[in-house]
């Protein structure tokens, strides 16, 4: 079992001084990315700023780069206001468990009055996917047999 050796002086020059990415350093050193990343962690040189370079919408940005504001309703990634619902729920610190069964898995945001335009915090609550289907699709649940299959 032989360990792959990396020229630490060259790695320091490429990554710390020249501020190249791990991928670029791996390409120059002709090593795989995980080996280079492991060595950088071991030496304590790995930059920890990768999560800090995000804007308010969670988009990656370079330092000094400014992206235009996202107009959520005109954005194709905007899916029925889910981003807005979750953001409001986070801001008002709604309890993060299902209102009905108390689980913390697969949580959805439910509008109590079924109006997606009404994003008042008193109208929002967390429910799990299973309970959400039961609430939203009561009529379809009644059209199933005992095994849950559609009739």
C-alpha atoms as a PDB file:
ATOM      1  CA  UNK A   1       0.000   0.000   0.000  1.00  0.00           C
ATOM      2  CA  UNK A   2       1.804   3.061  -1.236  1.00  0.00           C
ATOM      3  CA  UNK A   3       0.776   6.583  -0.455  1.00  0.00           C
ATOM      4  CA  UNK A   4       0.682   9.114  -3.233  1.00  0.00           C
ATOM      5  CA  UNK A   5       3.053  11.961  -2.564  1.00  0.00           C
ATOM      6  CA  UNK A   6       2.192  15.532  -3.356  1.00  0.00           C
ATOM      7  CA  UNK A   7       4.694  18.356  -3.665  1.00  0.00           C
ATOM      8  CA  UNK A   8       3.537  20.484  -0.741  1.00  0.00           C
ATOM      9  CA  UNK A   9       5.471  23.570  -1.834  1.00  0.00           C
ATOM     10  CA  UNK A  10       3.802  23.509  -5.250  1.00  0.00           C
ATOM     11  CA  UNK A  11       0.390  22.832  -3.675  1.00  0.00           C
ATOM     12  CA  UNK A  12       0.863  25.762  -1.289  1.00  0.00           C
ATOM     13  CA  UNK A  13       1.852  28.019  -4.180  1.00  0.00           C
ATOM     14  CA  UNK A  14      -1.084  26.944  -6.352  1.00  0.00           C
ATOM     15  CA  UNK A  15      -3.828  26.921  -3.731  1.00  0.00           C
ATOM     16  CA  UNK A  16      -2.884  29.422  -1.031  1.00  0.00           C
ATOM     17  CA  UNK A  17      -0.804  31.993  -2.895  1.00  0.00           C
ATOM     18  CA  UNK A  18      -2.367  31.854  -6.391  1.00  0.00           C
ATOM     19  CA  UNK A  19      -5.855  31.042  -4.989  1.00  0.00           C
ATOM     20  CA  UNK A  20      -6.636  28.338  -7.540  1.00  0.00           C
ATOM     21  CA  UNK A  21      -9.488  25.888  -6.991  1.00  0.00           C
ATOM     22  CA  UNK A  22      -8.941  22.365  -5.682  1.00  0.00           C
ATOM     23  CA  UNK A  23      -9.915  21.046  -9.123  1.00  0.00           C
ATOM     24  CA  UNK A  24      -7.304  23.202 -10.878  1.00  0.00           C
ATOM     25  CA  UNK A  25      -4.611  22.186  -8.363  1.00  0.00           C
ATOM     26  CA  UNK A  26      -5.465  18.517  -8.875  1.00  0.00           C
ATOM     27  CA  UNK A  27      -5.179  18.931 -12.633  1.00  0.00           C
ATOM     28  CA  UNK A  28      -1.766  20.624 -12.397  1.00  0.00           C
ATOM     29  CA  UNK A  29      -0.473  18.061  -9.877  1.00  0.00           C
ATOM     30  CA  UNK A  30      -1.993  15.176 -11.895  1.00  0.00           C
ATOM     31  CA  UNK A  31      -3.784  13.825  -8.830  1.00  0.00           C
ATOM     32  CA  UNK A  32      -7.453  13.240  -8.173  1.00  0.00           C
ATOM     33  CA  UNK A  33      -9.449  15.980  -6.487  1.00  0.00           C
ATOM     34  CA  UNK A  34     -10.179  14.035  -3.293  1.00  0.00           C
ATOM     35  CA  UNK A  35      -6.460  13.378  -2.700  1.00  0.00           C
ATOM     36  CA  UNK A  36      -5.622  17.056  -3.081  1.00  0.00           C
ATOM     37  CA  UNK A  37      -8.570  18.095  -0.890  1.00  0.00           C
ATOM     38  CA  UNK A  38      -7.517  15.606   1.791  1.00  0.00           C
ATOM     39  CA  UNK A  39      -3.963  16.944   1.760  1.00  0.00           C
ATOM     40  CA  UNK A  40      -5.215  20.546   2.011  1.00  0.00           C
ATOM     41  CA  UNK A  41      -7.363  19.624   5.023  1.00  0.00           C
ATOM     42  CA  UNK A  42      -4.456  17.775   6.610  1.00  0.00           C
ATOM     43  CA  UNK A  43      -2.186  20.817   6.216  1.00  0.00           C
ATOM     44  CA  UNK A  44      -4.922  23.193   7.449  1.00  0.00           C
ATOM     45  CA  UNK A  45      -4.905  25.181   4.209  1.00  0.00           C
ATOM     46  CA  UNK A  46      -8.402  24.371   2.953  1.00  0.00           C
ATOM     47  CA  UNK A  47     -10.460  27.535   2.549  1.00  0.00           C
ATOM     48  CA  UNK A  48     -13.740  27.469   4.427  1.00  0.00           C
ATOM     49  CA  UNK A  49     -15.435  30.302   2.556  1.00  0.00           C
ATOM     50  CA  UNK A  50     -17.416  28.177   0.129  1.00  0.00           C
ATOM     51  CA  UNK A  51     -20.674  28.537   2.077  1.00  0.00           C
ATOM     52  CA  UNK A  52     -20.184  32.229   2.728  1.00  0.00           C
ATOM     53  CA  UNK A  53     -20.313  33.191  -0.936  1.00  0.00           C
ATOM     54  CA  UNK A  54     -24.086  33.060  -1.316  1.00  0.00           C
ATOM     55  CA  UNK A  55     -26.554  35.879  -1.707  1.00  0.00           C
ATOM     56  CA  UNK A  56     -29.930  36.226   0.037  1.00  0.00           C
ATOM     57  CA  UNK A  57     -31.530  33.852  -2.478  1.00  0.00           C
ATOM     58  CA  UNK A  58     -28.954  31.091  -1.912  1.00  0.00           C
ATOM     59  CA  UNK A  59     -27.183  31.666  -5.234  1.00  0.00           C
ATOM     60  CA  UNK A  60     -23.387  31.282  -5.393  1.00  0.00           C
ATOM     61  CA  UNK A  61     -21.617  34.563  -6.086  1.00  0.00           C
ATOM     62  CA  UNK A  62     -17.983  35.519  -6.461  1.00  0.00           C
ATOM     63  CA  UNK A  63     -16.660  38.108  -4.027  1.00  0.00           C
ATOM     64  CA  UNK A  64     -17.693  41.534  -5.276  1.00  0.00           C
ATOM     65  CA  UNK A  65     -20.170  40.094  -7.790  1.00  0.00           C
ATOM     66  CA  UNK A  66     -23.719  41.395  -7.672  1.00  0.00           C
ATOM     67  CA  UNK A  67     -26.553  39.497  -9.288  1.00  0.00           C
ATOM     68  CA  UNK A  68     -29.917  41.036 -10.143  1.00  0.00           C
ATOM     69  CA  UNK A  69     -32.713  40.479  -7.649  1.00  0.00           C
ATOM     70  CA  UNK A  70     -34.788  37.433  -8.338  1.00  0.00           C
ATOM     71  CA  UNK A  71     -38.380  38.195  -9.122  1.00  0.00           C
ATOM     72  CA  UNK A  72     -39.811  35.035  -7.649  1.00  0.00           C
ATOM     73  CA  UNK A  73     -43.104  34.992  -9.542  1.00  0.00           C
ATOM     74  CA  UNK A  74     -41.362  35.381 -12.921  1.00  0.00           C
ATOM     75  CA  UNK A  75     -38.712  32.783 -12.149  1.00  0.00           C
ATOM     76  CA  UNK A  76     -39.331  29.311 -13.656  1.00  0.00           C
ATOM     77  CA  UNK A  77     -37.777  27.758 -10.522  1.00  0.00           C
ATOM     78  CA  UNK A  78     -40.516  29.350  -8.396  1.00  0.00           C
ATOM     79  CA  UNK A  79     -42.964  26.561  -7.600  1.00  0.00           C
ATOM     80  CA  UNK A  80     -46.250  27.812  -6.185  1.00  0.00           C
ATOM     81  CA  UNK A  81     -44.598  30.071  -3.634  1.00  0.00           C
ATOM     82  CA  UNK A  82     -42.812  27.289  -1.742  1.00  0.00           C
ATOM     83  CA  UNK A  83     -39.730  29.454  -1.324  1.00  0.00           C
ATOM     84  CA  UNK A  84     -41.834  32.266   0.119  1.00  0.00           C
ATOM     85  CA  UNK A  85     -43.793  29.932   2.404  1.00  0.00           C
ATOM     86  CA  UNK A  86     -40.664  28.365   3.844  1.00  0.00           C
ATOM     87  CA  UNK A  87     -38.986  31.728   4.294  1.00  0.00           C
ATOM     88  CA  UNK A  88     -41.997  33.101   6.186  1.00  0.00           C
ATOM     89  CA  UNK A  89     -42.162  29.945   8.317  1.00  0.00           C
ATOM     90  CA  UNK A  90     -38.450  30.309   9.146  1.00  0.00           C
ATOM     91  CA  UNK A  91     -38.745  34.020   9.964  1.00  0.00           C
ATOM     92  CA  UNK A  92     -41.704  33.513  12.302  1.00  0.00           C
ATOM     93  CA  UNK A  93     -40.130  30.348  13.745  1.00  0.00           C
ATOM     94  CA  UNK A  94     -43.081  28.066  13.259  1.00  0.00           C
ATOM     95  CA  UNK A  95     -42.580  24.784  15.138  1.00  0.00           C
ATOM     96  CA  UNK A  96     -40.688  22.426  12.800  1.00  0.00           C
ATOM     97  CA  UNK A  97     -42.734  19.281  13.255  1.00  0.00           C
ATOM     98  CA  UNK A  98     -45.949  17.976  11.765  1.00  0.00           C
ATOM     99  CA  UNK A  99     -48.948  19.631  13.381  1.00  0.00           C
ATOM    100  CA  UNK A 100     -50.908  16.357  13.296  1.00  0.00           C
ATOM    101  CA  UNK A 101     -48.511  13.428  13.839  1.00  0.00           C
ATOM    102  CA  UNK A 102     -45.521  15.321  15.345  1.00  0.00           C
ATOM    103  CA  UNK A 103     -42.923  13.832  12.961  1.00  0.00           C
ATOM    104  CA  UNK A 104     -39.990  15.954  11.734  1.00  0.00           C
ATOM    105  CA  UNK A 105     -39.529  14.196   8.374  1.00  0.00           C
ATOM    106  CA  UNK A 106     -40.692  15.311   4.912  1.00  0.00           C
ATOM    107  CA  UNK A 107     -42.249  18.561   6.112  1.00  0.00           C
ATOM    108  CA  UNK A 108     -44.480  20.674   3.868  1.00  0.00           C
ATOM    109  CA  UNK A 109     -46.013  24.072   4.463  1.00  0.00           C
ATOM    110  CA  UNK A 110     -49.822  23.919   4.641  1.00  0.00           C
ATOM    111  CA  UNK A 111     -52.178  26.872   4.196  1.00  0.00           C
ATOM    112  CA  UNK A 112     -54.979  26.405   6.699  1.00  0.00           C
ATOM    113  CA  UNK A 113     -57.525  28.314   4.596  1.00  0.00           C
ATOM    114  CA  UNK A 114     -56.237  26.636   1.360  1.00  0.00           C
ATOM    115  CA  UNK A 115     -55.468  30.074  -0.131  1.00  0.00           C
ATOM    116  CA  UNK A 116     -51.888  30.161  -1.433  1.00  0.00           C
ATOM    117  CA  UNK A 117     -51.971  33.934  -1.646  1.00  0.00           C
ATOM    118  CA  UNK A 118     -52.609  34.270   2.107  1.00  0.00           C
ATOM    119  CA  UNK A 119     -49.102  33.962   3.563  1.00  0.00           C
ATOM    120  CA  UNK A 120     -49.973  35.293   6.988  1.00  0.00           C
ATOM    121  CA  UNK A 121     -47.968  33.297   9.578  1.00  0.00           C
ATOM    122  CA  UNK A 122     -51.177  32.403  11.416  1.00  0.00           C
ATOM    123  CA  UNK A 123     -52.388  30.719   8.205  1.00  0.00           C
ATOM    124  CA  UNK A 124     -49.261  28.564   7.784  1.00  0.00           C
ATOM    125  CA  UNK A 125     -48.269  25.384   9.582  1.00  0.00           C
ATOM    126  CA  UNK A 126     -45.829  22.559   9.023  1.00  0.00           C
ATOM    127  CA  UNK A 127     -47.330  19.175   8.144  1.00  0.00           C
ATOM    128  CA  UNK A 128     -45.629  16.018   6.897  1.00  0.00           C
ATOM    129  CA  UNK A 129     -46.251  14.859   3.328  1.00  0.00           C
ATOM    130  CA  UNK A 130     -48.564  12.065   4.432  1.00  0.00           C
ATOM    131  CA  UNK A 131     -50.795  14.320   6.539  1.00  0.00           C
ATOM    132  CA  UNK A 132     -50.713  17.001   3.832  1.00  0.00           C
ATOM    133  CA  UNK A 133     -52.092  14.530   1.273  1.00  0.00           C
ATOM    134  CA  UNK A 134     -54.815  13.502   3.727  1.00  0.00           C
ATOM    135  CA  UNK A 135     -55.793  17.144   4.271  1.00  0.00           C
ATOM    136  CA  UNK A 136     -55.650  18.285   0.642  1.00  0.00           C
ATOM    137  CA  UNK A 137     -57.071  15.194  -1.057  1.00  0.00           C
ATOM    138  CA  UNK A 138     -59.846  13.982   1.243  1.00  0.00           C
ATOM    139  CA  UNK A 139     -62.142  13.357  -1.717  1.00  0.00           C
ATOM    140  CA  UNK A 140     -59.581  11.113  -3.440  1.00  0.00           C
ATOM    141  CA  UNK A 141     -58.858   9.155  -0.254  1.00  0.00           C
ATOM    142  CA  UNK A 142     -62.527   8.223  -0.030  1.00  0.00           C
ATOM    143  CA  UNK A 143     -62.345   6.682  -3.527  1.00  0.00           C
ATOM    144  CA  UNK A 144     -59.821   4.022  -2.477  1.00  0.00           C
ATOM    145  CA  UNK A 145     -60.207   0.450  -1.338  1.00  0.00           C
ATOM    146  CA  UNK A 146     -58.909  -0.947   1.963  1.00  0.00           C
ATOM    147  CA  UNK A 147     -55.382  -1.392   0.554  1.00  0.00           C
ATOM    148  CA  UNK A 148     -55.210   2.250  -0.549  1.00  0.00           C
ATOM    149  CA  UNK A 149     -55.627   1.577  -4.285  1.00  0.00           C
ATOM    150  CA  UNK A 150     -57.784   3.891  -6.409  1.00  0.00           C
ATOM    151  CA  UNK A 151     -61.182   2.429  -7.284  1.00  0.00           C
END
